[in-house]
Amino acid sequence: MTDRTLTATRRAHPAGATVLAVTGELDHHTARELSHVVDEAPFSSGTPVIIDLTDLTYCDSTGLTVLVAAYNRAQQAGTPLVLVGLNADLTRVFRIVGLDQLFSFQPTMDEAVAALRA
């Protein structure tokens, strides 16, 4: 049994984007939680998706796989996708494995919304 926890929620941002907020540890034991929220999220060309990772404390390769699946859904639907609030360690991991070439990153929600409007 594990004491690792993850909370993944979906909400609408006032600017019209769908926000998927992730809190806790994203790993083999918890990835299903985020995967379910990603599967239920409306990916459509008119609604951008922001994945808020500000409160993510850990992410392993299983978690990265879920985020890549979200990226693939966004690409297929023509939906803009932005990751927000990556800490320095997670940013480094994304760069090492080349995911910084796929994803758009913004440090804050306000900057993500501004980037989507540009």
PDB file of N, CA and C in Angstrom:
ATOM      1  N   MET A   1       0.838  -1.181   0.000  1.00  0.00           N
ATOM      2  CA  MET A   1       0.000   0.000   0.000  1.00  0.00           C
ATOM      3  C   MET A   1       0.886   1.249   0.000  1.00  0.00           C
ATOM      4  N   THR A   2       0.400   2.295  -0.614  1.00  0.00           N
ATOM      5  CA  THR A   2       1.187   3.509  -0.750  1.00  0.00           C
ATOM      6  C   THR A   2       0.504   4.679  -0.063  1.00  0.00           C
ATOM      7  N   ASP A   3       1.287   5.622   0.400  1.00  0.00           N
ATOM      8  CA  ASP A   3       0.717   6.828   0.972  1.00  0.00           C
ATOM      9  C   ASP A   3       0.808   7.993  -0.011  1.00  0.00           C
ATOM     10  N   ARG A   4       1.207   7.713  -1.235  1.00  0.00           N
ATOM     11  CA  ARG A   4       1.276   8.746  -2.264  1.00  0.00           C
ATOM     12  C   ARG A   4      -0.132   9.175  -2.639  1.00  0.00           C
ATOM     13  N   THR A   5      -0.310  10.463  -2.790  1.00  0.00           N
ATOM     14  CA  THR A   5      -1.622  10.962  -3.172  1.00  0.00           C
ATOM     15  C   THR A   5      -1.498  11.926  -4.337  1.00  0.00           C
ATOM     16  N   LEU A   6      -2.560  11.958  -5.115  1.00  0.00           N
ATOM     17  CA  LEU A   6      -2.653  12.881  -6.230  1.00  0.00           C
ATOM     18  C   LEU A   6      -4.098  13.320  -6.333  1.00  0.00           C
ATOM     19  N   THR A   7      -4.278  14.590  -6.552  1.00  0.00           N
ATOM     20  CA  THR A   7      -5.602  15.119  -6.842  1.00  0.00           C
ATOM     21  C   THR A   7      -5.534  15.775  -8.208  1.00  0.00           C
ATOM     22  N   ALA A   8      -6.456  15.418  -9.068  1.00  0.00           N
ATOM     23  CA  ALA A   8      -6.544  16.030 -10.391  1.00  0.00           C
ATOM     24  C   ALA A   8      -7.979  16.493 -10.585  1.00  0.00           C
ATOM     25  N   THR A   9      -8.136  17.768 -10.881  1.00  0.00           N
ATOM     26  CA  THR A   9      -9.473  18.333 -11.042  1.00  0.00           C
ATOM     27  C   THR A   9      -9.566  19.095 -12.353  1.00  0.00           C
ATOM     28  N   ARG A  10     -10.793  19.283 -12.791  1.00  0.00           N
ATOM     29  CA  ARG A  10     -11.044  20.057 -14.007  1.00  0.00           C
ATOM     30  C   ARG A  10     -11.977  21.201 -13.661  1.00  0.00           C
ATOM     31  N   ARG A  11     -11.676  22.378 -14.205  1.00  0.00           N
ATOM     32  CA  ARG A  11     -12.555  23.529 -14.011  1.00  0.00           C
ATOM     33  C   ARG A  11     -12.457  24.428 -15.239  1.00  0.00           C
ATOM     34  N   ALA A  12     -13.436  25.279 -15.383  1.00  0.00           N
ATOM     35  CA  ALA A  12     -13.419  26.253 -16.468  1.00  0.00           C
ATOM     36  C   ALA A  12     -12.768  27.538 -15.966  1.00  0.00           C
ATOM     37  N   HIS A  13     -11.861  28.081 -16.749  1.00  0.00           N
ATOM     38  CA  HIS A  13     -11.241  29.367 -16.430  1.00  0.00           C
ATOM     39  C   HIS A  13     -12.133  30.468 -16.995  1.00  0.00           C
ATOM     40  N   PRO A  14     -12.252  31.614 -16.322  1.00  0.00           N
ATOM     41  CA  PRO A  14     -13.088  32.705 -16.838  1.00  0.00           C
ATOM     42  C   PRO A  14     -12.716  33.159 -18.251  1.00  0.00           C
ATOM     43  N   ALA A  15     -11.472  32.934 -18.660  1.00  0.00           N
ATOM     44  CA  ALA A  15     -11.039  33.327 -20.004  1.00  0.00           C
ATOM     45  C   ALA A  15     -11.478  32.328 -21.071  1.00  0.00           C
ATOM     46  N   GLY A  16     -12.129  31.231 -20.645  1.00  0.00           N
ATOM     47  CA  GLY A  16     -12.645  30.265 -21.601  1.00  0.00           C
ATOM     48  C   GLY A  16     -11.843  28.991 -21.741  1.00  0.00           C
ATOM     49  N   ALA A  17     -10.731  28.888 -21.055  1.00  0.00           N
ATOM     50  CA  ALA A  17      -9.907  27.679 -21.126  1.00  0.00           C
ATOM     51  C   ALA A  17     -10.406  26.632 -20.139  1.00  0.00           C
ATOM     52  N   THR A  18     -10.088  25.377 -20.430  1.00  0.00           N
ATOM     53  CA  THR A  18     -10.292  24.294 -19.474  1.00  0.00           C
ATOM     54  C   THR A  18      -8.997  24.135 -18.695  1.00  0.00           C
ATOM     55  N   VAL A  19      -9.094  24.136 -17.363  1.00  0.00           N
ATOM     56  CA  VAL A  19      -7.918  23.991 -16.510  1.00  0.00           C
ATOM     57  C   VAL A  19      -7.956  22.630 -15.841  1.00  0.00           C
ATOM     58  N   LEU A  20      -6.881  21.878 -16.010  1.00  0.00           N
ATOM     59  CA  LEU A  20      -6.695  20.617 -15.300  1.00  0.00           C
ATOM     60  C   LEU A  20      -5.620  20.882 -14.251  1.00  0.00           C
ATOM     61  N   ALA A  21      -6.013  20.860 -12.985  1.00  0.00           N
ATOM     62  CA  ALA A  21      -5.086  21.159 -11.892  1.00  0.00           C
ATOM     63  C   ALA A  21      -4.621  19.861 -11.251  1.00  0.00           C
ATOM     64  N   VAL A  22      -3.321  19.748 -11.061  1.00  0.00           N
ATOM     65  CA  VAL A  22      -2.717  18.524 -10.533  1.00  0.00           C
ATOM     66  C   VAL A  22      -1.975  18.869  -9.242  1.00  0.00           C
ATOM     67  N   THR A  23      -2.282  18.125  -8.185  1.00  0.00           N
ATOM     68  CA  THR A  23      -1.667  18.349  -6.876  1.00  0.00           C
ATOM     69  C   THR A  23      -1.151  17.029  -6.331  1.00  0.00           C
ATOM     70  N   GLY A  24       0.090  17.016  -5.864  1.00  0.00           N
ATOM     71  CA  GLY A  24       0.633  15.816  -5.233  1.00  0.00           C
ATOM     72  C   GLY A  24       1.682  15.132  -6.082  1.00  0.00           C
ATOM     73  N   GLU A  25       1.740  13.802  -5.958  1.00  0.00           N
ATOM     74  CA  GLU A  25       2.746  12.993  -6.641  1.00  0.00           C
ATOM     75  C   GLU A  25       2.115  12.230  -7.804  1.00  0.00           C
ATOM     76  N   LEU A  26       2.660  12.433  -8.991  1.00  0.00           N
ATOM     77  CA  LEU A  26       2.169  11.779 -10.204  1.00  0.00           C
ATOM     78  C   LEU A  26       3.134  10.655 -10.554  1.00  0.00           C
ATOM     79  N   ASP A  27       2.700   9.431 -10.293  1.00  0.00           N
ATOM     80  CA  ASP A  27       3.569   8.282 -10.538  1.00  0.00           C
ATOM     81  C   ASP A  27       2.726   7.070 -10.926  1.00  0.00           C
ATOM     82  N   HIS A  28       3.375   5.928 -10.975  1.00  0.00           N
ATOM     83  CA  HIS A  28       2.713   4.684 -11.369  1.00  0.00           C
ATOM     84  C   HIS A  28       1.454   4.407 -10.544  1.00  0.00           C
ATOM     85  N   HIS A  29       1.482   4.758  -9.280  1.00  0.00           N
ATOM     86  CA  HIS A  29       0.362   4.469  -8.389  1.00  0.00           C
ATOM     87  C   HIS A  29      -0.785   5.466  -8.522  1.00  0.00           C
ATOM     88  N   THR A  30      -0.505   6.665  -9.000  1.00  0.00           N
ATOM     89  CA  THR A  30      -1.520   7.720  -9.001  1.00  0.00           C
ATOM     90  C   THR A  30      -1.903   8.220 -10.391  1.00  0.00           C
ATOM     91  N   ALA A  31      -1.216   7.775 -11.420  1.00  0.00           N
ATOM     92  CA  ALA A  31      -1.414   8.311 -12.771  1.00  0.00           C
ATOM     93  C   ALA A  31      -2.838   8.126 -13.281  1.00  0.00           C
ATOM     94  N   ARG A  32      -3.514   7.076 -12.827  1.00  0.00           N
ATOM     95  CA  ARG A  32      -4.895   6.850 -13.283  1.00  0.00           C
ATOM     96  C   ARG A  32      -5.803   8.029 -12.967  1.00  0.00           C
ATOM     97  N   GLU A  33      -5.565   8.679 -11.842  1.00  0.00           N
ATOM     98  CA  GLU A  33      -6.384   9.833 -11.446  1.00  0.00           C
ATOM     99  C   GLU A  33      -6.310  10.934 -12.505  1.00  0.00           C
ATOM    100  N   LEU A  34      -5.098  11.310 -12.906  1.00  0.00           N
ATOM    101  CA  LEU A  34      -4.948  12.336 -13.937  1.00  0.00           C
ATOM    102  C   LEU A  34      -5.412  11.819 -15.287  1.00  0.00           C
ATOM    103  N   SER A  35      -5.120  10.586 -15.598  1.00  0.00           N
ATOM    104  CA  SER A  35      -5.540  10.012 -16.871  1.00  0.00           C
ATOM    105  C   SER A  35      -7.056  10.098 -17.032  1.00  0.00           C
ATOM    106  N   HIS A  36      -7.777   9.818 -15.963  1.00  0.00           N
ATOM    107  CA  HIS A  36      -9.240   9.899 -15.998  1.00  0.00           C
ATOM    108  C   HIS A  36      -9.699  11.338 -16.277  1.00  0.00           C
ATOM    109  N   VAL A  37      -9.089  12.305 -15.609  1.00  0.00           N
ATOM    110  CA  VAL A  37      -9.466  13.705 -15.816  1.00  0.00           C
ATOM    111  C   VAL A  37      -9.137  14.142 -17.246  1.00  0.00           C
ATOM    112  N   VAL A  38      -7.994  13.715 -17.763  1.00  0.00           N
ATOM    113  CA  VAL A  38      -7.628  14.032 -19.146  1.00  0.00           C
ATOM    114  C   VAL A  38      -8.630  13.403 -20.109  1.00  0.00           C
ATOM    115  N   ASP A  39      -9.001  12.151 -19.868  1.00  0.00           N
ATOM    116  CA  ASP A  39      -9.956  11.464 -20.743  1.00  0.00           C
ATOM    117  C   ASP A  39     -11.310  12.157 -20.765  1.00  0.00           C
ATOM    118  N   GLU A  40     -11.709  12.735 -19.645  1.00  0.00           N
ATOM    119  CA  GLU A  40     -13.017  13.387 -19.535  1.00  0.00           C
ATOM    120  C   GLU A  40     -12.997  14.849 -19.991  1.00  0.00           C
ATOM    121  N   ALA A  41     -11.827  15.419 -20.166  1.00  0.00           N
ATOM    122  CA  ALA A  41     -11.720  16.831 -20.536  1.00  0.00           C
ATOM    123  C   ALA A  41     -12.157  17.043 -21.979  1.00  0.00           C
ATOM    124  N   PRO A  42     -12.842  18.165 -22.226  1.00  0.00           N
ATOM    125  CA  PRO A  42     -13.276  18.459 -23.592  1.00  0.00           C
ATOM    126  C   PRO A  42     -12.141  19.083 -24.407  1.00  0.00           C
ATOM    127  N   PHE A  43     -11.527  18.296 -25.243  1.00  0.00           N
ATOM    128  CA  PHE A  43     -10.502  18.816 -26.142  1.00  0.00           C
ATOM    129  C   PHE A  43     -11.197  19.175 -27.451  1.00  0.00           C
ATOM    130  N   SER A  44     -11.291  20.477 -27.730  1.00  0.00           N
ATOM    131  CA  SER A  44     -11.894  20.936 -28.977  1.00  0.00           C
ATOM    132  C   SER A  44     -11.130  22.161 -29.445  1.00  0.00           C
ATOM    133  N   SER A  45     -11.221  22.447 -30.721  1.00  0.00           N
ATOM    134  CA  SER A  45     -10.407  23.522 -31.284  1.00  0.00           C
ATOM    135  C   SER A  45     -10.736  24.885 -30.691  1.00  0.00           C
ATOM    136  N   GLY A  46     -11.924  25.056 -30.147  1.00  0.00           N
ATOM    137  CA  GLY A  46     -12.299  26.359 -29.599  1.00  0.00           C
ATOM    138  C   GLY A  46     -11.973  26.558 -28.135  1.00  0.00           C
ATOM    139  N   THR A  47     -11.536  25.514 -27.446  1.00  0.00           N
ATOM    140  CA  THR A  47     -11.300  25.612 -26.005  1.00  0.00           C
ATOM    141  C   THR A  47      -9.877  25.184 -25.663  1.00  0.00           C
ATOM    142  N   PRO A  48      -9.009  26.134 -25.340  1.00  0.00           N
ATOM    143  CA  PRO A  48      -7.653  25.757 -24.945  1.00  0.00           C
ATOM    144  C   PRO A  48      -7.651  24.994 -23.623  1.00  0.00           C
ATOM    145  N   VAL A  49      -6.613  24.203 -23.421  1.00  0.00           N
ATOM    146  CA  VAL A  49      -6.455  23.432 -22.186  1.00  0.00           C
ATOM    147  C   VAL A  49      -5.161  23.873 -21.507  1.00  0.00           C
ATOM    148  N   ILE A  50      -5.281  24.161 -20.217  1.00  0.00           N
ATOM    149  CA  ILE A  50      -4.131  24.516 -19.391  1.00  0.00           C
ATOM    150  C   ILE A  50      -3.993  23.438 -18.328  1.00  0.00           C
ATOM    151  N   ILE A  51      -2.830  22.816 -18.257  1.00  0.00           N
ATOM    152  CA  ILE A  51      -2.566  21.846 -17.192  1.00  0.00           C
ATOM    153  C   ILE A  51      -1.703  22.550 -16.159  1.00  0.00           C
ATOM    154  N   ASP A  52      -2.290  22.747 -14.981  1.00  0.00           N
ATOM    155  CA  ASP A  52      -1.630  23.480 -13.904  1.00  0.00           C
ATOM    156  C   ASP A  52      -0.865  22.508 -13.014  1.00  0.00           C
ATOM    157  N   LEU A  53       0.456  22.565 -13.102  1.00  0.00           N
ATOM    158  CA  LEU A  53       1.329  21.669 -12.344  1.00  0.00           C
ATOM    159  C   LEU A  53       2.018  22.387 -11.184  1.00  0.00           C
ATOM    160  N   THR A  54       1.500  23.532 -10.802  1.00  0.00           N
ATOM    161  CA  THR A  54       2.096  24.330  -9.733  1.00  0.00           C
ATOM    162  C   THR A  54       2.274  23.528  -8.453  1.00  0.00           C
ATOM    163  N   ASP A  55       1.297  22.697  -8.121  1.00  0.00           N
ATOM    164  CA  ASP A  55       1.333  21.938  -6.868  1.00  0.00           C
ATOM    165  C   ASP A  55       1.740  20.480  -7.058  1.00  0.00           C
ATOM    166  N   LEU A  56       2.329  20.169  -8.205  1.00  0.00           N
ATOM    167  CA  LEU A  56       2.851  18.823  -8.438  1.00  0.00           C
ATOM    168  C   LEU A  56       4.204  18.708  -7.741  1.00  0.00           C
ATOM    169  N   THR A  57       4.352  17.712  -6.883  1.00  0.00           N
ATOM    170  CA  THR A  57       5.587  17.572  -6.113  1.00  0.00           C
ATOM    171  C   THR A  57       6.531  16.521  -6.672  1.00  0.00           C
ATOM    172  N   TYR A  58       6.018  15.626  -7.529  1.00  0.00           N
ATOM    173  CA  TYR A  58       6.844  14.543  -8.073  1.00  0.00           C
ATOM    174  C   TYR A  58       6.181  14.031  -9.338  1.00  0.00           C
ATOM    175  N   CYS A  59       6.998  13.624 -10.308  1.00  0.00           N
ATOM    176  CA  CYS A  59       6.464  13.038 -11.536  1.00  0.00           C
ATOM    177  C   CYS A  59       7.465  12.020 -12.065  1.00  0.00           C
ATOM    178  N   ASP A  60       6.998  10.776 -12.270  1.00  0.00           N
ATOM    179  CA  ASP A  60       7.868   9.755 -12.853  1.00  0.00           C
ATOM    180  C   ASP A  60       7.496   9.550 -14.319  1.00  0.00           C
ATOM    181  N   SER A  61       8.076   8.542 -14.939  1.00  0.00           N
ATOM    182  CA  SER A  61       7.847   8.309 -16.370  1.00  0.00           C
ATOM    183  C   SER A  61       6.393   7.983 -16.682  1.00  0.00           C
ATOM    184  N   THR A  62       5.690   7.351 -15.760  1.00  0.00           N
ATOM    185  CA  THR A  62       4.270   7.073 -15.982  1.00  0.00           C
ATOM    186  C   THR A  62       3.496   8.380 -16.045  1.00  0.00           C
ATOM    187  N   GLY A  63       3.830   9.304 -15.176  1.00  0.00           N
ATOM    188  CA  GLY A  63       3.189  10.616 -15.197  1.00  0.00           C
ATOM    189  C   GLY A  63       3.491  11.365 -16.478  1.00  0.00           C
ATOM    190  N   LEU A  64       4.734  11.296 -16.931  1.00  0.00           N
ATOM    191  CA  LEU A  64       5.089  11.935 -18.197  1.00  0.00           C
ATOM    192  C   LEU A  64       4.279  11.350 -19.345  1.00  0.00           C
ATOM    193  N   THR A  65       4.043  10.043 -19.296  1.00  0.00           N
ATOM    194  CA  THR A  65       3.254   9.381 -20.334  1.00  0.00           C
ATOM    195  C   THR A  65       1.830   9.923 -20.366  1.00  0.00           C
ATOM    196  N   VAL A  66       1.244  10.170 -19.211  1.00  0.00           N
ATOM    197  CA  VAL A  66      -0.113  10.736 -19.158  1.00  0.00           C
ATOM    198  C   VAL A  66      -0.111  12.147 -19.746  1.00  0.00           C
ATOM    199  N   LEU A  67       0.897  12.928 -19.439  1.00  0.00           N
ATOM    200  CA  LEU A  67       0.978  14.280 -19.991  1.00  0.00           C
ATOM    201  C   LEU A  67       1.177  14.250 -21.503  1.00  0.00           C
ATOM    202  N   VAL A  68       1.965  13.306 -22.001  1.00  0.00           N
ATOM    203  CA  VAL A  68       2.135  13.161 -23.452  1.00  0.00           C
ATOM    204  C   VAL A  68       0.816  12.732 -24.095  1.00  0.00           C
ATOM    205  N   ALA A  69       0.051  11.881 -23.435  1.00  0.00           N
ATOM    206  CA  ALA A  69      -1.269  11.492 -23.953  1.00  0.00           C
ATOM    207  C   ALA A  69      -2.177  12.716 -24.059  1.00  0.00           C
ATOM    208  N   ALA A  70      -2.115  13.610 -23.082  1.00  0.00           N
ATOM    209  CA  ALA A  70      -2.897  14.850 -23.149  1.00  0.00           C
ATOM    210  C   ALA A  70      -2.433  15.700 -24.326  1.00  0.00           C
ATOM    211  N   TYR A  71      -1.138  15.775 -24.527  1.00  0.00           N
ATOM    212  CA  TYR A  71      -0.590  16.506 -25.669  1.00  0.00           C
ATOM    213  C   TYR A  71      -1.113  15.917 -26.982  1.00  0.00           C
ATOM    214  N   ASN A  72      -1.094  14.595 -27.095  1.00  0.00           N
ATOM    215  CA  ASN A  72      -1.567  13.938 -28.316  1.00  0.00           C
ATOM    216  C   ASN A  72      -3.040  14.218 -28.563  1.00  0.00           C
ATOM    217  N   ARG A  73      -3.854  14.170 -27.517  1.00  0.00           N
ATOM    218  CA  ARG A  73      -5.280  14.505 -27.674  1.00  0.00           C
ATOM    219  C   ARG A  73      -5.441  15.939 -28.147  1.00  0.00           C
ATOM    220  N   ALA A  74      -4.681  16.843 -27.570  1.00  0.00           N
ATOM    221  CA  ALA A  74      -4.769  18.248 -27.963  1.00  0.00           C
ATOM    222  C   ALA A  74      -4.376  18.427 -29.428  1.00  0.00           C
ATOM    223  N   GLN A  75      -3.317  17.762 -29.848  1.00  0.00           N
ATOM    224  CA  GLN A  75      -2.878  17.853 -31.239  1.00  0.00           C
ATOM    225  C   GLN A  75      -3.938  17.330 -32.194  1.00  0.00           C
ATOM    226  N   GLN A  76      -4.523  16.187 -31.858  1.00  0.00           N
ATOM    227  CA  GLN A  76      -5.554  15.596 -32.716  1.00  0.00           C
ATOM    228  C   GLN A  76      -6.775  16.496 -32.834  1.00  0.00           C
ATOM    229  N   ALA A  77      -7.103  17.210 -31.759  1.00  0.00           N
ATOM    230  CA  ALA A  77      -8.290  18.063 -31.760  1.00  0.00           C
ATOM    231  C   ALA A  77      -7.995  19.485 -32.220  1.00  0.00           C
ATOM    232  N   GLY A  78      -6.726  19.814 -32.405  1.00  0.00           N
ATOM    233  CA  GLY A  78      -6.373  21.183 -32.751  1.00  0.00           C
ATOM    234  C   GLY A  78      -6.552  22.134 -31.578  1.00  0.00           C
ATOM    235  N   THR A  79      -6.362  21.622 -30.383  1.00  0.00           N
ATOM    236  CA  THR A  79      -6.551  22.388 -29.153  1.00  0.00           C
ATOM    237  C   THR A  79      -5.221  22.923 -28.643  1.00  0.00           C
ATOM    238  N   PRO A  80      -5.122  24.219 -28.391  1.00  0.00           N
ATOM    239  CA  PRO A  80      -3.905  24.720 -27.743  1.00  0.00           C
ATOM    240  C   PRO A  80      -3.776  24.120 -26.340  1.00  0.00           C
ATOM    241  N   LEU A  81      -2.562  23.731 -25.969  1.00  0.00           N
ATOM    242  CA  LEU A  81      -2.296  23.131 -24.661  1.00  0.00           C
ATOM    243  C   LEU A  81      -1.077  23.810 -24.056  1.00  0.00           C
ATOM    244  N   VAL A  82      -1.206  24.239 -22.806  1.00  0.00           N
ATOM    245  CA  VAL A  82      -0.112  24.900 -22.098  1.00  0.00           C
ATOM    246  C   VAL A  82       0.057  24.241 -20.737  1.00  0.00           C
ATOM    247  N   LEU A  83       1.306  24.013 -20.341  1.00  0.00           N
ATOM    248  CA  LEU A  83       1.614  23.541 -18.994  1.00  0.00           C
ATOM    249  C   LEU A  83       2.042  24.742 -18.162  1.00  0.00           C
ATOM    250  N   VAL A  84       1.518  24.821 -16.947  1.00  0.00           N
ATOM    251  CA  VAL A  84       1.767  25.966 -16.072  1.00  0.00           C
ATOM    252  C   VAL A  84       2.424  25.514 -14.777  1.00  0.00           C
ATOM    253  N   GLY A  85       3.361  26.312 -14.293  1.00  0.00           N
ATOM    254  CA  GLY A  85       3.868  26.165 -12.943  1.00  0.00           C
ATOM    255  C   GLY A  85       4.822  25.018 -12.697  1.00  0.00           C
ATOM    256  N   LEU A  86       5.540  24.580 -13.717  1.00  0.00           N
ATOM    257  CA  LEU A  86       6.506  23.498 -13.499  1.00  0.00           C
ATOM    258  C   LEU A  86       7.614  23.979 -12.575  1.00  0.00           C
ATOM    259  N   ASN A  87       7.945  23.159 -11.596  1.00  0.00           N
ATOM    260  CA  ASN A  87       9.065  23.511 -10.728  1.00  0.00           C
ATOM    261  C   ASN A  87      10.376  23.249 -11.480  1.00  0.00           C
ATOM    262  N   ALA A  88      11.480  23.676 -10.892  1.00  0.00           N
ATOM    263  CA  ALA A  88      12.784  23.564 -11.564  1.00  0.00           C
ATOM    264  C   ALA A  88      13.155  22.118 -11.869  1.00  0.00           C
ATOM    265  N   ASP A  89      12.863  21.207 -10.944  1.00  0.00           N
ATOM    266  CA  ASP A  89      13.204  19.798 -11.169  1.00  0.00           C
ATOM    267  C   ASP A  89      12.419  19.214 -12.335  1.00  0.00           C
ATOM    268  N   LEU A  90      11.125  19.497 -12.387  1.00  0.00           N
ATOM    269  CA  LEU A  90      10.303  18.963 -13.470  1.00  0.00           C
ATOM    270  C   LEU A  90      10.683  19.598 -14.806  1.00  0.00           C
ATOM    271  N   THR A  91      10.982  20.876 -14.790  1.00  0.00           N
ATOM    272  CA  THR A  91      11.436  21.539 -16.015  1.00  0.00           C
ATOM    273  C   THR A  91      12.704  20.871 -16.539  1.00  0.00           C
ATOM    274  N   ARG A  92      13.606  20.550 -15.637  1.00  0.00           N
ATOM    275  CA  ARG A  92      14.855  19.873 -16.021  1.00  0.00           C
ATOM    276  C   ARG A  92      14.569  18.507 -16.644  1.00  0.00           C
ATOM    277  N   VAL A  93      13.662  17.739 -16.043  1.00  0.00           N
ATOM    278  CA  VAL A  93      13.299  16.426 -16.588  1.00  0.00           C
ATOM    279  C   VAL A  93      12.727  16.583 -17.992  1.00  0.00           C
ATOM    280  N   PHE A  94      11.819  17.534 -18.185  1.00  0.00           N
ATOM    281  CA  PHE A  94      11.233  17.759 -19.505  1.00  0.00           C
ATOM    282  C   PHE A  94      12.318  18.076 -20.530  1.00  0.00           C
ATOM    283  N   ARG A  95      13.294  18.871 -20.136  1.00  0.00           N
ATOM    284  CA  ARG A  95      14.382  19.217 -21.060  1.00  0.00           C
ATOM    285  C   ARG A  95      15.259  18.010 -21.367  1.00  0.00           C
ATOM    286  N   ILE A  96      15.577  17.223 -20.355  1.00  0.00           N
ATOM    287  CA  ILE A  96      16.444  16.057 -20.551  1.00  0.00           C
ATOM    288  C   ILE A  96      15.822  15.071 -21.529  1.00  0.00           C
ATOM    289  N   VAL A  97      14.521  14.823 -21.401  1.00  0.00           N
ATOM    290  CA  VAL A  97      13.871  13.832 -22.265  1.00  0.00           C
ATOM    291  C   VAL A  97      13.301  14.443 -23.545  1.00  0.00           C
ATOM    292  N   GLY A  98      13.503  15.741 -23.742  1.00  0.00           N
ATOM    293  CA  GLY A  98      13.085  16.383 -24.984  1.00  0.00           C
ATOM    294  C   GLY A  98      11.639  16.825 -25.041  1.00  0.00           C
ATOM    295  N   LEU A  99      10.922  16.734 -23.940  1.00  0.00           N
ATOM    296  CA  LEU A  99       9.513  17.132 -23.958  1.00  0.00           C
ATOM    297  C   LEU A  99       9.331  18.643 -24.009  1.00  0.00           C
ATOM    298  N   ASP A 100      10.391  19.379 -23.761  1.00  0.00           N
ATOM    299  CA  ASP A 100      10.307  20.830 -23.913  1.00  0.00           C
ATOM    300  C   ASP A 100      10.123  21.212 -25.385  1.00  0.00           C
ATOM    301  N   GLN A 101      10.372  20.265 -26.289  1.00  0.00           N
ATOM    302  CA  GLN A 101      10.150  20.491 -27.713  1.00  0.00           C
ATOM    303  C   GLN A 101       8.684  20.313 -28.099  1.00  0.00           C
ATOM    304  N   LEU A 102       7.915  19.613 -27.258  1.00  0.00           N
ATOM    305  CA  LEU A 102       6.496  19.380 -27.527  1.00  0.00           C
ATOM    306  C   LEU A 102       5.601  20.409 -26.863  1.00  0.00           C
ATOM    307  N   PHE A 103       5.848  20.621 -25.591  1.00  0.00           N
ATOM    308  CA  PHE A 103       4.935  21.402 -24.768  1.00  0.00           C
ATOM    309  C   PHE A 103       5.283  22.881 -24.755  1.00  0.00           C
ATOM    310  N   SER A 104       4.242  23.674 -24.544  1.00  0.00           N
ATOM    311  CA  SER A 104       4.400  25.092 -24.274  1.00  0.00           C
ATOM    312  C   SER A 104       4.318  25.267 -22.764  1.00  0.00           C
ATOM    313  N   PHE A 105       5.269  26.004 -22.181  1.00  0.00           N
ATOM    314  CA  PHE A 105       5.326  26.214 -20.734  1.00  0.00           C
ATOM    315  C   PHE A 105       5.108  27.684 -20.411  1.00  0.00           C
ATOM    316  N   GLN A 106       4.406  27.929 -19.329  1.00  0.00           N
ATOM    317  CA  GLN A 106       4.279  29.274 -18.786  1.00  0.00           C
ATOM    318  C   GLN A 106       4.423  29.180 -17.275  1.00  0.00           C
ATOM    319  N   PRO A 107       5.053  30.175 -16.652  1.00  0.00           N
ATOM    320  CA  PRO A 107       5.270  30.098 -15.210  1.00  0.00           C
ATOM    321  C   PRO A 107       4.005  30.284 -14.375  1.00  0.00           C
ATOM    322  N   THR A 108       3.047  31.078 -14.864  1.00  0.00           N
ATOM    323  CA  THR A 108       1.838  31.353 -14.082  1.00  0.00           C
ATOM    324  C   THR A 108       0.589  31.197 -14.937  1.00  0.00           C
ATOM    325  N   MET A 109      -0.535  31.087 -14.263  1.00  0.00           N
ATOM    326  CA  MET A 109      -1.816  30.988 -14.961  1.00  0.00           C
ATOM    327  C   MET A 109      -2.080  32.246 -15.782  1.00  0.00           C
ATOM    328  N   ASP A 110      -1.812  33.416 -15.212  1.00  0.00           N
ATOM    329  CA  ASP A 110      -2.034  34.664 -15.945  1.00  0.00           C
ATOM    330  C   ASP A 110      -1.208  34.711 -17.228  1.00  0.00           C
ATOM    331  N   GLU A 111       0.034  34.267 -17.144  1.00  0.00           N
ATOM    332  CA  GLU A 111       0.887  34.268 -18.332  1.00  0.00           C
ATOM    333  C   GLU A 111       0.420  33.235 -19.353  1.00  0.00           C
ATOM    334  N   ALA A 112      -0.116  32.126 -18.888  1.00  0.00           N
ATOM    335  CA  ALA A 112      -0.658  31.114 -19.805  1.00  0.00           C
ATOM    336  C   ALA A 112      -1.861  31.664 -20.551  1.00  0.00           C
ATOM    337  N   VAL A 113      -2.759  32.314 -19.829  1.00  0.00           N
ATOM    338  CA  VAL A 113      -3.947  32.896 -20.464  1.00  0.00           C
ATOM    339  C   VAL A 113      -3.528  33.966 -21.467  1.00  0.00           C
ATOM    340  N   ALA A 114      -2.574  34.803 -21.097  1.00  0.00           N
ATOM    341  CA  ALA A 114      -2.093  35.840 -22.016  1.00  0.00           C
ATOM    342  C   ALA A 114      -1.470  35.222 -23.262  1.00  0.00           C
ATOM    343  N   ALA A 115      -0.701  34.154 -23.095  1.00  0.00           N
ATOM    344  CA  ALA A 115      -0.074  33.483 -24.240  1.00  0.00           C
ATOM    345  C   ALA A 115      -1.126  32.877 -25.161  1.00  0.00           C
ATOM    346  N   LEU A 116      -2.183  32.345 -24.591  1.00  0.00           N
ATOM    347  CA  LEU A 116      -3.240  31.749 -25.405  1.00  0.00           C
ATOM    348  C   LEU A 116      -4.023  32.809 -26.169  1.00  0.00           C
ATOM    349  N   ARG A 117      -4.089  33.997 -25.632  1.00  0.00           N
ATOM    350  CA  ARG A 117      -4.805  35.096 -26.298  1.00  0.00           C
ATOM    351  C   ARG A 117      -3.974  35.734 -27.402  1.00  0.00           C
ATOM    352  N   ALA A 118      -2.658  35.557 -27.342  1.00  0.00           N
ATOM    353  CA  ALA A 118      -1.756  36.213 -28.307  1.00  0.00           C
ATOM    354  C   ALA A 118      -1.868  35.597 -29.687  1.00  0.00           C
TER     355      ALA A 118
END
